[in-house]
Amino acid sequence: MIIRKLRLQRGWSQDQLSQISGLSTRTIQRIERGQKPSLESLQSLAAAFETSVAELQQEPTMHKETHEHIHITEDEKIAIDQVRAIKGFYSHLFTYIAVISFLAILNYLQSPNNLWVIWPAFGWGIGVASHGINAFELFNPFGAEWEKKQVEKKLGRKL
C-alpha cells in the first residue's frame, strides 16, 4: 500500500516504476496487492523512491503523522476501497460478458430454437447490476447514514 501511494504521489505508472527500480511490472503489481517483497526488491524500491528500506516496511497508519507522505489517511483508505470496489465490478462485468457470450454461441450451435441462455444471462445479470449499484454507491439504503441513525436510536439519543 505504501508503494502504491508513493508511486501515485510521483505520478508514475507501474511500468515507469518498473523501469526506474529495475523490477518487473508483475513484481510491482504483486507488491501493491499486498504480497511481501524480498529484501532485494525493497532495496530497489527504496532507491527509486529515495527513502530507506525501513520506511517502506512500516505499516501504513490511518492518520497523519510526521512522515505524511507515507501514511494513509482515513479519506485515502475510503477512496482506495471505493476504487477497489469499482475495479471488482468491472472485473465481474467482464467475466459476465465473456461467459454469457460463450454460452450464447454454445446455445446457438447446439439448439438455436431453444434460447436457454437467457436464463443464466438474466439471473447473473441481476447479480452484476446489484454489484454495480453497490460499487458506484448509486443506491444504498443501509449505508453509513442509516447505521449512524440506528446507533443513535439504540443509544436513546435524538438526531
N, C-alpha and C. Protein backbone atom coordinates (compact mmCIF):
# COMPACT_ATOMS: atom_id res chain seq x y z
N MET A 1 0.82 -1.18 0.00
CA MET A 1 0.00 0.00 0.00
C MET A 1 0.88 1.26 0.00
N ILE A 2 1.96 1.22 0.77
CA ILE A 2 2.86 2.38 0.80
C ILE A 2 3.48 2.57 -0.58
N ILE A 3 3.84 1.47 -1.22
CA ILE A 3 4.48 1.55 -2.53
C ILE A 3 3.53 2.22 -3.53
N ARG A 4 2.28 1.81 -3.52
CA ARG A 4 1.29 2.39 -4.44
C ARG A 4 1.14 3.89 -4.18
N LYS A 5 1.04 4.26 -2.90
CA LYS A 5 0.84 5.67 -2.58
C LYS A 5 2.04 6.50 -3.03
N LEU A 6 3.25 6.02 -2.75
CA LEU A 6 4.44 6.76 -3.17
C LEU A 6 4.52 6.87 -4.69
N ARG A 7 4.16 5.78 -5.37
CA ARG A 7 4.17 5.79 -6.84
C ARG A 7 3.17 6.80 -7.38
N LEU A 8 1.97 6.79 -6.83
CA LEU A 8 0.93 7.71 -7.31
C LEU A 8 1.26 9.17 -6.98
N GLN A 9 1.88 9.39 -5.83
CA GLN A 9 2.27 10.76 -5.49
C GLN A 9 3.26 11.33 -6.50
N ARG A 10 4.08 10.49 -7.05
CA ARG A 10 5.05 10.94 -8.05
C ARG A 10 4.47 10.94 -9.46
N GLY A 11 3.27 10.43 -9.61
CA GLY A 11 2.63 10.40 -10.92
C GLY A 11 3.20 9.34 -11.84
N TRP A 12 3.77 8.28 -11.24
CA TRP A 12 4.39 7.22 -12.04
C TRP A 12 3.39 6.10 -12.29
N SER A 13 3.48 5.51 -13.45
CA SER A 13 2.72 4.29 -13.72
C SER A 13 3.52 3.13 -13.16
N GLN A 14 2.93 1.95 -13.13
CA GLN A 14 3.67 0.77 -12.67
C GLN A 14 4.82 0.47 -13.61
N ASP A 15 4.62 0.71 -14.91
CA ASP A 15 5.70 0.49 -15.88
C ASP A 15 6.87 1.45 -15.63
N GLN A 16 6.55 2.70 -15.32
CA GLN A 16 7.62 3.67 -15.06
C GLN A 16 8.40 3.28 -13.80
N LEU A 17 7.69 2.88 -12.75
CA LEU A 17 8.38 2.44 -11.53
C LEU A 17 9.22 1.20 -11.82
N SER A 18 8.73 0.34 -12.68
CA SER A 18 9.47 -0.85 -13.07
C SER A 18 10.80 -0.47 -13.72
N GLN A 19 10.75 0.49 -14.63
CA GLN A 19 11.97 0.93 -15.31
C GLN A 19 12.92 1.62 -14.35
N ILE A 20 12.41 2.44 -13.44
CA ILE A 20 13.26 3.18 -12.51
C ILE A 20 13.91 2.24 -11.50
N SER A 21 13.12 1.27 -11.00
CA SER A 21 13.62 0.39 -9.94
C SER A 21 14.36 -0.84 -10.46
N GLY A 22 14.13 -1.19 -11.73
CA GLY A 22 14.75 -2.39 -12.26
C GLY A 22 13.97 -3.66 -11.95
N LEU A 23 12.80 -3.52 -11.36
CA LEU A 23 11.94 -4.67 -11.07
C LEU A 23 10.96 -4.87 -12.21
N SER A 24 10.39 -6.05 -12.29
CA SER A 24 9.39 -6.28 -13.33
C SER A 24 8.07 -5.62 -12.92
N THR A 25 7.27 -5.30 -13.91
CA THR A 25 5.95 -4.72 -13.64
C THR A 25 5.11 -5.69 -12.83
N ARG A 26 5.24 -6.98 -13.12
CA ARG A 26 4.47 -8.00 -12.39
C ARG A 26 4.85 -8.01 -10.91
N THR A 27 6.13 -7.84 -10.61
CA THR A 27 6.58 -7.80 -9.21
C THR A 27 5.97 -6.60 -8.50
N ILE A 28 5.95 -5.47 -9.16
CA ILE A 28 5.36 -4.26 -8.57
C ILE A 28 3.86 -4.47 -8.34
N GLN A 29 3.19 -5.08 -9.28
CA GLN A 29 1.76 -5.36 -9.11
C GLN A 29 1.52 -6.25 -7.91
N ARG A 30 2.33 -7.28 -7.75
CA ARG A 30 2.18 -8.19 -6.61
C ARG A 30 2.41 -7.46 -5.29
N ILE A 31 3.43 -6.63 -5.24
CA ILE A 31 3.73 -5.90 -4.01
C ILE A 31 2.58 -4.95 -3.68
N GLU A 32 2.06 -4.27 -4.67
CA GLU A 32 0.96 -3.33 -4.43
C GLU A 32 -0.32 -4.05 -4.00
N ARG A 33 -0.45 -5.31 -4.35
CA ARG A 33 -1.62 -6.08 -3.93
C ARG A 33 -1.45 -6.69 -2.55
N GLY A 34 -0.26 -6.50 -1.95
CA GLY A 34 -0.07 -6.97 -0.59
C GLY A 34 0.91 -8.11 -0.41
N GLN A 35 1.49 -8.61 -1.50
CA GLN A 35 2.48 -9.67 -1.35
C GLN A 35 3.75 -9.09 -0.73
N LYS A 36 4.35 -9.83 0.19
CA LYS A 36 5.55 -9.34 0.87
C LYS A 36 6.74 -9.36 -0.09
N PRO A 37 7.39 -8.21 -0.26
CA PRO A 37 8.52 -8.14 -1.19
C PRO A 37 9.80 -8.70 -0.56
N SER A 38 10.70 -9.15 -1.41
CA SER A 38 12.01 -9.62 -0.94
C SER A 38 12.84 -8.40 -0.54
N LEU A 39 13.92 -8.66 0.17
CA LEU A 39 14.81 -7.58 0.60
C LEU A 39 15.41 -6.87 -0.61
N GLU A 40 15.74 -7.63 -1.65
CA GLU A 40 16.31 -7.03 -2.86
C GLU A 40 15.30 -6.11 -3.53
N SER A 41 14.06 -6.54 -3.58
CA SER A 41 13.01 -5.69 -4.17
C SER A 41 12.82 -4.43 -3.35
N LEU A 42 12.81 -4.58 -2.03
CA LEU A 42 12.68 -3.40 -1.16
C LEU A 42 13.84 -2.43 -1.36
N GLN A 43 15.03 -2.95 -1.51
CA GLN A 43 16.19 -2.09 -1.73
C GLN A 43 16.07 -1.33 -3.05
N SER A 44 15.60 -2.01 -4.08
CA SER A 44 15.42 -1.36 -5.39
C SER A 44 14.35 -0.27 -5.30
N LEU A 45 13.26 -0.58 -4.61
CA LEU A 45 12.18 0.41 -4.47
C LEU A 45 12.62 1.58 -3.60
N ALA A 46 13.37 1.30 -2.53
CA ALA A 46 13.86 2.38 -1.66
C ALA A 46 14.76 3.32 -2.45
N ALA A 47 15.59 2.77 -3.31
CA ALA A 47 16.46 3.61 -4.14
C ALA A 47 15.61 4.44 -5.11
N ALA A 48 14.59 3.84 -5.69
CA ALA A 48 13.75 4.56 -6.64
C ALA A 48 13.00 5.70 -5.96
N PHE A 49 12.54 5.47 -4.73
CA PHE A 49 11.78 6.50 -4.01
C PHE A 49 12.66 7.40 -3.15
N GLU A 50 13.97 7.13 -3.17
CA GLU A 50 14.93 7.91 -2.40
C GLU A 50 14.54 7.93 -0.92
N THR A 51 14.32 6.74 -0.38
CA THR A 51 13.98 6.58 1.02
C THR A 51 14.69 5.33 1.53
N SER A 52 14.45 4.96 2.77
CA SER A 52 15.09 3.79 3.34
C SER A 52 14.18 2.57 3.25
N VAL A 53 14.79 1.41 3.34
CA VAL A 53 14.03 0.16 3.36
C VAL A 53 13.11 0.15 4.59
N ALA A 54 13.61 0.66 5.71
CA ALA A 54 12.81 0.69 6.94
C ALA A 54 11.52 1.50 6.76
N GLU A 55 11.62 2.62 6.04
CA GLU A 55 10.42 3.43 5.78
C GLU A 55 9.41 2.66 4.95
N LEU A 56 9.88 1.89 3.98
CA LEU A 56 8.98 1.13 3.12
C LEU A 56 8.34 -0.05 3.86
N GLN A 57 9.01 -0.54 4.89
CA GLN A 57 8.49 -1.69 5.63
C GLN A 57 7.49 -1.30 6.71
N GLN A 58 7.39 -0.01 7.01
CA GLN A 58 6.43 0.43 8.03
C GLN A 58 5.02 0.16 7.57
N GLU A 59 4.19 -0.23 8.52
CA GLU A 59 2.78 -0.40 8.22
C GLU A 59 2.15 0.98 8.10
N PRO A 60 1.32 1.20 7.09
CA PRO A 60 0.65 2.49 6.97
C PRO A 60 -0.34 2.67 8.13
N THR A 61 -0.46 3.89 8.58
CA THR A 61 -1.42 4.21 9.64
C THR A 61 -2.58 4.96 9.03
N MET A 62 -3.66 5.05 9.80
CA MET A 62 -4.86 5.68 9.28
C MET A 62 -4.95 7.16 9.68
N HIS A 63 -3.87 7.74 10.11
CA HIS A 63 -3.87 9.16 10.45
C HIS A 63 -2.56 9.79 10.01
N LYS A 64 -2.56 11.09 9.96
CA LYS A 64 -1.38 11.80 9.51
C LYS A 64 -0.39 11.92 10.66
N GLU A 65 0.87 11.71 10.34
CA GLU A 65 1.94 11.89 11.31
C GLU A 65 3.04 12.70 10.65
N THR A 66 4.21 12.65 11.24
CA THR A 66 5.29 13.49 10.73
C THR A 66 5.71 13.11 9.32
N HIS A 67 5.66 11.86 8.97
CA HIS A 67 6.02 11.43 7.61
C HIS A 67 4.74 11.26 6.80
N GLU A 68 4.06 12.34 6.59
CA GLU A 68 2.75 12.32 5.96
C GLU A 68 2.76 11.67 4.57
N HIS A 69 3.87 11.79 3.87
CA HIS A 69 3.92 11.26 2.51
C HIS A 69 3.84 9.73 2.46
N ILE A 70 3.99 9.05 3.58
CA ILE A 70 3.96 7.60 3.60
C ILE A 70 2.68 7.07 4.22
N HIS A 71 2.10 7.76 5.16
CA HIS A 71 0.95 7.25 5.89
C HIS A 71 -0.36 7.50 5.16
N ILE A 72 -1.30 6.61 5.40
CA ILE A 72 -2.58 6.68 4.71
C ILE A 72 -3.64 7.24 5.64
N THR A 73 -4.32 8.26 5.19
CA THR A 73 -5.38 8.87 5.99
C THR A 73 -6.67 8.08 5.83
N GLU A 74 -7.63 8.35 6.68
CA GLU A 74 -8.93 7.67 6.59
C GLU A 74 -9.61 7.95 5.25
N ASP A 75 -9.53 9.20 4.79
CA ASP A 75 -10.12 9.55 3.49
C ASP A 75 -9.47 8.78 2.35
N GLU A 76 -8.16 8.63 2.43
CA GLU A 76 -7.45 7.88 1.39
C GLU A 76 -7.85 6.41 1.42
N LYS A 77 -8.01 5.86 2.61
CA LYS A 77 -8.44 4.46 2.74
C LYS A 77 -9.83 4.28 2.13
N ILE A 78 -10.73 5.20 2.39
CA ILE A 78 -12.08 5.13 1.83
C ILE A 78 -12.02 5.20 0.31
N ALA A 79 -11.22 6.14 -0.21
CA ALA A 79 -11.10 6.28 -1.67
C ALA A 79 -10.50 5.02 -2.29
N ILE A 80 -9.49 4.44 -1.65
CA ILE A 80 -8.87 3.21 -2.16
C ILE A 80 -9.89 2.08 -2.16
N ASP A 81 -10.67 1.97 -1.09
CA ASP A 81 -11.70 0.92 -1.02
C ASP A 81 -12.74 1.10 -2.12
N GLN A 82 -13.13 2.36 -2.38
CA GLN A 82 -14.11 2.62 -3.43
C GLN A 82 -13.56 2.25 -4.80
N VAL A 83 -12.32 2.60 -5.05
CA VAL A 83 -11.70 2.27 -6.33
C VAL A 83 -11.60 0.75 -6.49
N ARG A 84 -11.26 0.05 -5.42
CA ARG A 84 -11.20 -1.42 -5.48
C ARG A 84 -12.58 -2.01 -5.75
N ALA A 85 -13.60 -1.44 -5.15
CA ALA A 85 -14.97 -1.93 -5.38
C ALA A 85 -15.36 -1.74 -6.85
N ILE A 86 -15.02 -0.60 -7.42
CA ILE A 86 -15.33 -0.34 -8.83
C ILE A 86 -14.52 -1.27 -9.73
N LYS A 87 -13.27 -1.48 -9.39
CA LYS A 87 -12.43 -2.40 -10.15
C LYS A 87 -13.01 -3.81 -10.09
N GLY A 88 -13.48 -4.22 -8.92
CA GLY A 88 -14.10 -5.53 -8.77
C GLY A 88 -15.35 -5.66 -9.63
N PHE A 89 -16.13 -4.56 -9.69
CA PHE A 89 -17.32 -4.58 -10.53
C PHE A 89 -16.95 -4.76 -12.00
N TYR A 90 -15.96 -4.01 -12.47
CA TYR A 90 -15.57 -4.14 -13.88
C TYR A 90 -15.04 -5.54 -14.18
N SER A 91 -14.33 -6.13 -13.25
CA SER A 91 -13.86 -7.50 -13.43
C SER A 91 -15.05 -8.46 -13.51
N HIS A 92 -16.03 -8.27 -12.64
CA HIS A 92 -17.24 -9.08 -12.65
C HIS A 92 -17.99 -8.91 -13.97
N LEU A 93 -18.12 -7.67 -14.43
CA LEU A 93 -18.82 -7.39 -15.68
C LEU A 93 -18.12 -8.05 -16.86
N PHE A 94 -16.81 -7.95 -16.91
CA PHE A 94 -16.05 -8.56 -18.00
C PHE A 94 -16.25 -10.08 -18.00
N THR A 95 -16.19 -10.69 -16.82
CA THR A 95 -16.40 -12.13 -16.72
C THR A 95 -17.80 -12.50 -17.19
N TYR A 96 -18.78 -11.72 -16.78
CA TYR A 96 -20.17 -11.95 -17.18
C TYR A 96 -20.30 -11.91 -18.71
N ILE A 97 -19.76 -10.88 -19.32
CA ILE A 97 -19.85 -10.73 -20.78
C ILE A 97 -19.18 -11.90 -21.48
N ALA A 98 -17.99 -12.29 -21.00
CA ALA A 98 -17.25 -13.39 -21.64
C ALA A 98 -18.01 -14.71 -21.52
N VAL A 99 -18.48 -15.01 -20.32
CA VAL A 99 -19.15 -16.30 -20.11
C VAL A 99 -20.50 -16.35 -20.83
N ILE A 100 -21.28 -15.28 -20.73
CA ILE A 100 -22.59 -15.28 -21.39
C ILE A 100 -22.41 -15.31 -22.91
N SER A 101 -21.39 -14.65 -23.43
CA SER A 101 -21.12 -14.71 -24.87
C SER A 101 -20.80 -16.14 -25.29
N PHE A 102 -19.97 -16.81 -24.51
CA PHE A 102 -19.64 -18.21 -24.79
C PHE A 102 -20.90 -19.08 -24.74
N LEU A 103 -21.72 -18.87 -23.71
CA LEU A 103 -22.95 -19.65 -23.60
C LEU A 103 -23.92 -19.36 -24.75
N ALA A 104 -23.96 -18.11 -25.20
CA ALA A 104 -24.85 -17.76 -26.32
C ALA A 104 -24.40 -18.46 -27.59
N ILE A 105 -23.10 -18.50 -27.83
CA ILE A 105 -22.57 -19.20 -29.01
C ILE A 105 -22.87 -20.69 -28.89
N LEU A 106 -22.64 -21.24 -27.70
CA LEU A 106 -22.93 -22.65 -27.47
C LEU A 106 -24.42 -22.94 -27.68
N ASN A 107 -25.27 -22.07 -27.17
CA ASN A 107 -26.72 -22.22 -27.33
C ASN A 107 -27.10 -22.19 -28.81
N TYR A 108 -26.53 -21.26 -29.54
CA TYR A 108 -26.82 -21.13 -30.97
C TYR A 108 -26.39 -22.37 -31.75
N LEU A 109 -25.21 -22.90 -31.41
CA LEU A 109 -24.69 -24.06 -32.13
C LEU A 109 -25.42 -25.35 -31.76
N GLN A 110 -25.81 -25.50 -30.52
CA GLN A 110 -26.42 -26.75 -30.06
C GLN A 110 -27.94 -26.79 -30.26
N SER A 111 -28.61 -25.70 -29.90
CA SER A 111 -30.08 -25.71 -30.01
C SER A 111 -30.58 -24.29 -30.30
N PRO A 112 -30.48 -23.87 -31.55
CA PRO A 112 -30.85 -22.50 -31.90
C PRO A 112 -32.34 -22.19 -31.70
N ASN A 113 -33.18 -23.21 -31.64
CA ASN A 113 -34.61 -22.97 -31.46
C ASN A 113 -35.01 -22.83 -30.00
N ASN A 114 -34.12 -23.16 -29.08
CA ASN A 114 -34.39 -23.09 -27.65
C ASN A 114 -33.40 -22.12 -27.01
N LEU A 115 -33.84 -20.92 -26.69
CA LEU A 115 -32.94 -19.91 -26.13
C LEU A 115 -32.82 -20.03 -24.61
N TRP A 116 -32.16 -21.08 -24.15
CA TRP A 116 -31.97 -21.28 -22.72
C TRP A 116 -30.96 -20.30 -22.13
N VAL A 117 -30.12 -19.69 -22.97
CA VAL A 117 -29.07 -18.79 -22.49
C VAL A 117 -29.64 -17.55 -21.79
N ILE A 118 -30.89 -17.22 -22.07
CA ILE A 118 -31.47 -16.03 -21.43
C ILE A 118 -31.61 -16.20 -19.92
N TRP A 119 -31.78 -17.45 -19.44
CA TRP A 119 -31.96 -17.66 -18.01
C TRP A 119 -30.69 -17.39 -17.21
N PRO A 120 -29.54 -17.96 -17.59
CA PRO A 120 -28.33 -17.59 -16.84
C PRO A 120 -27.96 -16.12 -17.05
N ALA A 121 -28.22 -15.59 -18.26
CA ALA A 121 -27.92 -14.17 -18.52
C ALA A 121 -28.76 -13.28 -17.62
N PHE A 122 -30.02 -13.62 -17.47
CA PHE A 122 -30.91 -12.83 -16.63
C PHE A 122 -30.53 -12.94 -15.15
N GLY A 123 -30.34 -14.17 -14.67
CA GLY A 123 -30.01 -14.38 -13.26
C GLY A 123 -28.69 -13.74 -12.86
N TRP A 124 -27.66 -14.01 -13.65
CA TRP A 124 -26.35 -13.45 -13.36
C TRP A 124 -26.36 -11.94 -13.58
N GLY A 125 -27.15 -11.49 -14.56
CA GLY A 125 -27.27 -10.06 -14.84
C GLY A 125 -27.79 -9.28 -13.64
N ILE A 126 -28.71 -9.89 -12.90
CA ILE A 126 -29.21 -9.24 -11.67
C ILE A 126 -28.06 -9.07 -10.68
N GLY A 127 -27.22 -10.09 -10.56
CA GLY A 127 -26.06 -10.01 -9.67
C GLY A 127 -25.08 -8.93 -10.10
N VAL A 128 -24.83 -8.84 -11.40
CA VAL A 128 -23.91 -7.82 -11.92
C VAL A 128 -24.48 -6.43 -11.68
N ALA A 129 -25.78 -6.26 -11.92
CA ALA A 129 -26.41 -4.95 -11.69
C ALA A 129 -26.34 -4.57 -10.22
N SER A 130 -26.60 -5.52 -9.34
CA SER A 130 -26.51 -5.26 -7.91
C SER A 130 -25.08 -4.88 -7.51
N HIS A 131 -24.11 -5.58 -8.06
CA HIS A 131 -22.71 -5.27 -7.79
C HIS A 131 -22.37 -3.84 -8.25
N GLY A 132 -22.84 -3.47 -9.43
CA GLY A 132 -22.59 -2.12 -9.94
C GLY A 132 -23.24 -1.05 -9.08
N ILE A 133 -24.46 -1.29 -8.64
CA ILE A 133 -25.16 -0.32 -7.79
C ILE A 133 -24.39 -0.12 -6.49
N ASN A 134 -23.88 -1.22 -5.91
CA ASN A 134 -23.10 -1.11 -4.68
C ASN A 134 -21.75 -0.46 -4.92
N ALA A 135 -21.07 -0.84 -5.99
CA ALA A 135 -19.72 -0.32 -6.27
C ALA A 135 -19.75 1.19 -6.53
N PHE A 136 -20.74 1.64 -7.27
CA PHE A 136 -20.83 3.06 -7.60
C PHE A 136 -21.67 3.84 -6.59
N GLU A 137 -22.16 3.13 -5.56
CA GLU A 137 -22.94 3.73 -4.48
C GLU A 137 -24.12 4.54 -5.03
N LEU A 138 -24.82 3.95 -5.99
CA LEU A 138 -25.97 4.63 -6.59
C LEU A 138 -27.18 4.59 -5.68
N PHE A 139 -27.33 3.51 -4.95
CA PHE A 139 -28.46 3.35 -4.06
C PHE A 139 -28.01 2.50 -2.88
N ASN A 140 -28.01 3.06 -1.70
CA ASN A 140 -27.53 2.34 -0.54
C ASN A 140 -28.40 2.70 0.66
N PRO A 141 -29.57 2.08 0.77
CA PRO A 141 -30.47 2.44 1.86
C PRO A 141 -29.91 2.07 3.24
N PHE A 142 -28.97 1.13 3.32
CA PHE A 142 -28.41 0.72 4.59
C PHE A 142 -26.94 1.13 4.71
N GLY A 143 -26.64 2.34 4.26
CA GLY A 143 -25.27 2.84 4.28
C GLY A 143 -24.90 3.46 5.62
N ALA A 144 -23.88 4.28 5.60
CA ALA A 144 -23.33 4.87 6.81
C ALA A 144 -24.34 5.75 7.54
N GLU A 145 -25.13 6.51 6.81
CA GLU A 145 -26.14 7.36 7.45
C GLU A 145 -27.18 6.53 8.19
N TRP A 146 -27.64 5.47 7.58
CA TRP A 146 -28.62 4.60 8.21
C TRP A 146 -28.04 3.98 9.47
N GLU A 147 -26.78 3.50 9.37
CA GLU A 147 -26.12 2.90 10.53
C GLU A 147 -26.01 3.91 11.67
N LYS A 148 -25.63 5.13 11.35
CA LYS A 148 -25.48 6.16 12.36
C LYS A 148 -26.82 6.42 13.06
N LYS A 149 -27.89 6.54 12.28
CA LYS A 149 -29.22 6.78 12.86
C LYS A 149 -29.64 5.63 13.77
N GLN A 150 -29.34 4.39 13.35
CA GLN A 150 -29.73 3.24 14.16
C GLN A 150 -28.95 3.18 15.47
N VAL A 151 -27.65 3.50 15.42
CA VAL A 151 -26.86 3.52 16.63
C VAL A 151 -27.36 4.59 17.58
N GLU A 152 -27.63 5.78 17.05
CA GLU A 152 -28.15 6.87 17.89
C GLU A 152 -29.50 6.48 18.49
N LYS A 153 -30.32 5.81 17.71
CA LYS A 153 -31.63 5.37 18.18
C LYS A 153 -31.49 4.35 19.31
N LYS A 154 -30.57 3.40 19.16
CA LYS A 154 -30.34 2.39 20.19
C LYS A 154 -29.78 3.00 21.47
N LEU A 155 -29.02 4.05 21.32
CA LEU A 155 -28.44 4.72 22.49
C LEU A 155 -29.42 5.72 23.12
N GLY A 156 -30.56 5.89 22.49
CA GLY A 156 -31.57 6.78 23.03
C GLY A 156 -31.28 8.25 22.80
N ARG A 157 -30.49 8.54 21.82
CA ARG A 157 -30.13 9.94 21.52
C ARG A 157 -31.01 10.43 20.37
N LYS A 158 -31.30 11.72 20.40
CA LYS A 158 -32.05 12.32 19.30
C LYS A 158 -31.06 12.88 18.29
N LEU A 159 -31.46 12.83 17.06
CA LEU A 159 -30.61 13.39 15.99
C LEU A 159 -30.99 14.80 15.68
